[in-house]
N, C-alpha and C. Protein backbone atom coordinates (compact mmCIF):
# COMPACT_ATOMS: atom_id res chain seq x y z
N MET A 1 -34.87 -36.02 -6.51
CA MET A 1 -36.27 -35.80 -6.77
C MET A 1 -36.99 -37.14 -6.98
N ARG A 2 -36.36 -38.02 -7.76
CA ARG A 2 -36.95 -39.33 -8.01
C ARG A 2 -37.07 -40.13 -6.72
N ASN A 3 -36.09 -39.99 -5.84
CA ASN A 3 -36.13 -40.71 -4.57
C ASN A 3 -37.31 -40.24 -3.71
N ASN A 4 -37.62 -38.96 -3.77
CA ASN A 4 -38.76 -38.43 -3.02
C ASN A 4 -40.07 -39.06 -3.50
N TRP A 5 -40.22 -39.17 -4.84
CA TRP A 5 -41.43 -39.76 -5.39
C TRP A 5 -41.54 -41.24 -5.03
N MET A 6 -40.42 -41.94 -5.05
CA MET A 6 -40.42 -43.36 -4.68
C MET A 6 -40.79 -43.52 -3.21
N PHE A 7 -40.23 -42.65 -2.39
CA PHE A 7 -40.55 -42.70 -0.97
C PHE A 7 -42.04 -42.42 -0.74
N LEU A 8 -42.58 -41.39 -1.39
CA LEU A 8 -43.99 -41.06 -1.22
C LEU A 8 -44.89 -42.17 -1.76
N GLY A 9 -44.50 -42.77 -2.88
CA GLY A 9 -45.27 -43.89 -3.44
C GLY A 9 -45.27 -45.09 -2.51
N THR A 10 -44.12 -45.40 -1.94
CA THR A 10 -44.02 -46.52 -0.99
C THR A 10 -44.84 -46.23 0.26
N LEU A 11 -44.75 -45.02 0.75
CA LEU A 11 -45.51 -44.63 1.93
C LEU A 11 -47.01 -44.72 1.66
N ALA A 12 -47.44 -44.27 0.51
CA ALA A 12 -48.86 -44.35 0.16
C ALA A 12 -49.31 -45.80 0.06
N ALA A 13 -48.47 -46.67 -0.49
CA ALA A 13 -48.81 -48.09 -0.62
C ALA A 13 -48.94 -48.73 0.76
N VAL A 14 -48.06 -48.38 1.67
CA VAL A 14 -48.13 -48.93 3.03
C VAL A 14 -49.42 -48.50 3.71
N PHE A 15 -49.78 -47.24 3.60
CA PHE A 15 -51.02 -46.75 4.22
C PHE A 15 -52.24 -47.41 3.57
N LEU A 16 -52.20 -47.61 2.27
CA LEU A 16 -53.31 -48.25 1.58
C LEU A 16 -53.46 -49.69 2.05
N LEU A 17 -52.38 -50.42 2.16
CA LEU A 17 -52.44 -51.79 2.65
C LEU A 17 -52.94 -51.85 4.08
N ALA A 18 -52.50 -50.92 4.92
CA ALA A 18 -52.96 -50.88 6.31
C ALA A 18 -54.46 -50.59 6.37
N ALA A 19 -54.92 -49.70 5.52
CA ALA A 19 -56.35 -49.35 5.52
C ALA A 19 -57.20 -50.53 5.06
N VAL A 20 -56.70 -51.32 4.13
CA VAL A 20 -57.45 -52.49 3.64
C VAL A 20 -57.37 -53.63 4.64
N ALA A 21 -56.24 -53.82 5.28
CA ALA A 21 -56.05 -54.95 6.19
C ALA A 21 -56.77 -54.76 7.51
N ALA A 22 -56.93 -53.54 7.98
CA ALA A 22 -57.56 -53.31 9.28
C ALA A 22 -59.00 -53.81 9.34
N PRO A 23 -59.87 -53.50 8.39
CA PRO A 23 -61.24 -54.03 8.46
C PRO A 23 -61.28 -55.55 8.32
N MET A 24 -60.38 -56.13 7.54
CA MET A 24 -60.37 -57.59 7.40
C MET A 24 -59.98 -58.25 8.71
N ALA A 25 -59.06 -57.67 9.45
CA ALA A 25 -58.66 -58.23 10.73
C ALA A 25 -59.81 -58.12 11.73
N LYS A 26 -60.54 -57.03 11.67
CA LYS A 26 -61.67 -56.86 12.57
C LYS A 26 -62.78 -57.84 12.25
N ALA A 27 -62.97 -58.18 11.00
CA ALA A 27 -64.03 -59.10 10.59
C ALA A 27 -63.76 -60.52 11.07
N ASP A 28 -62.53 -60.84 11.40
CA ASP A 28 -62.20 -62.18 11.88
C ASP A 28 -62.69 -62.42 13.29
N ALA A 29 -62.93 -61.37 14.06
CA ALA A 29 -63.37 -61.51 15.45
C ALA A 29 -64.76 -60.88 15.60
N PRO A 30 -65.83 -61.63 15.26
CA PRO A 30 -67.17 -61.05 15.33
C PRO A 30 -67.63 -60.84 16.78
N ASP A 31 -68.46 -59.86 16.94
CA ASP A 31 -69.04 -59.56 18.24
C ASP A 31 -70.06 -60.65 18.58
N PRO A 32 -70.00 -61.27 19.76
CA PRO A 32 -70.94 -62.34 20.10
C PRO A 32 -72.39 -61.85 20.14
N ALA A 33 -72.60 -60.59 20.39
CA ALA A 33 -73.97 -60.06 20.43
C ALA A 33 -74.61 -60.09 19.05
N VAL A 34 -73.80 -59.99 18.01
CA VAL A 34 -74.32 -59.99 16.65
C VAL A 34 -75.03 -61.31 16.36
N GLN A 35 -74.45 -62.42 16.80
CA GLN A 35 -75.07 -63.73 16.57
C GLN A 35 -76.41 -63.84 17.29
N GLN A 36 -76.50 -63.33 18.51
CA GLN A 36 -77.76 -63.37 19.26
C GLN A 36 -78.84 -62.57 18.54
N VAL A 37 -78.51 -61.38 18.11
CA VAL A 37 -79.49 -60.53 17.44
C VAL A 37 -79.87 -61.14 16.10
N GLN A 38 -78.92 -61.71 15.38
CA GLN A 38 -79.21 -62.34 14.09
C GLN A 38 -80.15 -63.54 14.28
N THR A 39 -79.94 -64.31 15.33
CA THR A 39 -80.83 -65.44 15.63
C THR A 39 -82.24 -64.95 15.90
N PHE A 40 -82.36 -63.86 16.65
CA PHE A 40 -83.68 -63.28 16.92
C PHE A 40 -84.33 -62.80 15.63
N TYR A 41 -83.57 -62.07 14.81
CA TYR A 41 -84.12 -61.57 13.54
C TYR A 41 -84.57 -62.72 12.63
N ASP A 42 -83.78 -63.78 12.58
CA ASP A 42 -84.15 -64.93 11.75
C ASP A 42 -85.46 -65.56 12.22
N ALA A 43 -85.62 -65.72 13.54
CA ALA A 43 -86.85 -66.29 14.07
C ALA A 43 -88.03 -65.35 13.84
N LEU A 44 -87.82 -64.07 14.01
CA LEU A 44 -88.88 -63.09 13.78
C LEU A 44 -89.32 -63.10 12.32
N LEU A 45 -88.37 -63.11 11.42
CA LEU A 45 -88.68 -63.14 10.00
C LEU A 45 -89.41 -64.43 9.62
N ASP A 46 -88.99 -65.54 10.20
CA ASP A 46 -89.65 -66.81 9.93
C ASP A 46 -91.10 -66.78 10.41
N SER A 47 -91.32 -66.22 11.58
CA SER A 47 -92.70 -66.14 12.09
C SER A 47 -93.55 -65.20 11.24
N MET A 48 -92.95 -64.15 10.73
CA MET A 48 -93.69 -63.22 9.87
C MET A 48 -94.02 -63.87 8.53
N LYS A 49 -93.11 -64.69 8.01
CA LYS A 49 -93.37 -65.37 6.74
C LYS A 49 -94.51 -66.37 6.86
N HIS A 50 -94.70 -66.94 8.06
CA HIS A 50 -95.74 -67.93 8.28
C HIS A 50 -96.99 -67.32 8.94
N ALA A 51 -97.12 -66.01 8.90
CA ALA A 51 -98.23 -65.34 9.59
C ALA A 51 -99.60 -65.76 9.07
N LYS A 52 -99.68 -66.11 7.79
CA LYS A 52 -100.98 -66.50 7.22
C LYS A 52 -101.36 -67.93 7.58
N THR A 53 -100.37 -68.75 7.91
CA THR A 53 -100.66 -70.16 8.19
C THR A 53 -100.57 -70.51 9.67
N VAL A 54 -99.96 -69.65 10.46
CA VAL A 54 -99.80 -69.91 11.90
C VAL A 54 -100.54 -68.82 12.67
N ASP A 55 -101.35 -69.23 13.62
CA ASP A 55 -102.11 -68.24 14.39
C ASP A 55 -101.21 -67.52 15.39
N VAL A 56 -101.79 -66.60 16.12
CA VAL A 56 -101.02 -65.77 17.06
C VAL A 56 -100.35 -66.64 18.13
N ASN A 57 -101.06 -67.63 18.65
CA ASN A 57 -100.46 -68.49 19.67
C ASN A 57 -99.29 -69.29 19.10
N GLY A 58 -99.40 -69.72 17.87
CA GLY A 58 -98.30 -70.44 17.23
C GLY A 58 -97.09 -69.56 17.03
N ARG A 59 -97.32 -68.33 16.61
CA ARG A 59 -96.19 -67.41 16.44
C ARG A 59 -95.56 -67.08 17.79
N TYR A 60 -96.38 -66.97 18.83
CA TYR A 60 -95.85 -66.75 20.17
C TYR A 60 -94.94 -67.91 20.58
N LYS A 61 -95.39 -69.13 20.32
CA LYS A 61 -94.59 -70.31 20.67
C LYS A 61 -93.29 -70.36 19.87
N MET A 62 -93.32 -69.82 18.65
CA MET A 62 -92.10 -69.78 17.84
C MET A 62 -91.10 -68.76 18.39
N LEU A 63 -91.62 -67.62 18.87
CA LEU A 63 -90.75 -66.52 19.28
C LEU A 63 -90.35 -66.54 20.75
N ALA A 64 -91.18 -67.11 21.61
CA ALA A 64 -90.92 -67.04 23.05
C ALA A 64 -89.54 -67.56 23.44
N PRO A 65 -89.10 -68.75 22.98
CA PRO A 65 -87.77 -69.21 23.40
C PRO A 65 -86.64 -68.32 22.89
N VAL A 66 -86.80 -67.78 21.70
CA VAL A 66 -85.75 -66.93 21.13
C VAL A 66 -85.69 -65.60 21.88
N ILE A 67 -86.84 -65.06 22.23
CA ILE A 67 -86.88 -63.81 23.00
C ILE A 67 -86.25 -64.02 24.37
N ASP A 68 -86.59 -65.14 25.01
CA ASP A 68 -86.00 -65.43 26.33
C ASP A 68 -84.48 -65.58 26.25
N ALA A 69 -83.98 -66.17 25.16
CA ALA A 69 -82.54 -66.36 25.00
C ALA A 69 -81.82 -65.08 24.62
N THR A 70 -82.52 -64.17 23.95
CA THR A 70 -81.88 -62.96 23.44
C THR A 70 -81.92 -61.81 24.43
N PHE A 71 -83.05 -61.66 25.11
CA PHE A 71 -83.25 -60.51 25.99
C PHE A 71 -83.37 -60.94 27.44
N ASP A 72 -82.86 -60.14 28.34
CA ASP A 72 -83.02 -60.35 29.78
C ASP A 72 -84.21 -59.51 30.23
N LEU A 73 -85.40 -60.02 29.96
CA LEU A 73 -86.61 -59.24 30.21
C LEU A 73 -86.80 -58.84 31.68
N PRO A 74 -86.53 -59.72 32.65
CA PRO A 74 -86.68 -59.26 34.03
C PRO A 74 -85.82 -58.04 34.36
N THR A 75 -84.59 -58.04 33.90
CA THR A 75 -83.72 -56.90 34.16
C THR A 75 -84.18 -55.67 33.39
N MET A 76 -84.67 -55.88 32.18
CA MET A 76 -85.10 -54.76 31.35
C MET A 76 -86.39 -54.12 31.87
N THR A 77 -87.18 -54.85 32.64
CA THR A 77 -88.48 -54.34 33.06
C THR A 77 -88.56 -54.04 34.56
N ILE A 78 -87.45 -54.09 35.25
CA ILE A 78 -87.45 -53.78 36.69
C ILE A 78 -87.78 -52.30 36.88
N LYS A 79 -88.68 -52.05 37.82
CA LYS A 79 -89.01 -50.67 38.14
C LYS A 79 -88.27 -50.30 39.43
N TYR A 80 -87.51 -49.27 39.36
CA TYR A 80 -86.81 -48.78 40.53
C TYR A 80 -87.66 -47.71 41.20
N LEU A 81 -87.94 -47.92 42.45
CA LEU A 81 -88.75 -46.96 43.19
C LEU A 81 -87.83 -46.01 43.94
N ALA A 82 -88.01 -44.74 43.71
CA ALA A 82 -87.22 -43.72 44.42
C ALA A 82 -87.83 -43.51 45.79
N PRO A 83 -86.99 -43.29 46.78
CA PRO A 83 -87.54 -43.03 48.12
C PRO A 83 -88.38 -41.75 48.10
N LEU A 84 -89.48 -41.83 48.81
CA LEU A 84 -90.36 -40.67 48.86
C LEU A 84 -89.90 -39.63 49.83
């Protein structure tokens, strides 16, 4: 009976360690898209923080390079024409 409890305790410990280690292993390999989106969010937040001191054209100049680097606007805005 005692051996059964030891076995179940050991098994539970192994599963617990596996459950804790799996997310840590995944965190070591970040998705490259996350960095792109975070860069965009940082630039957007910065432009919003300076909205009272920078005019619309200034905010556009702040965001335009980041938007071009983050999004593929030509591909996103292509209109496909169906044959009539």
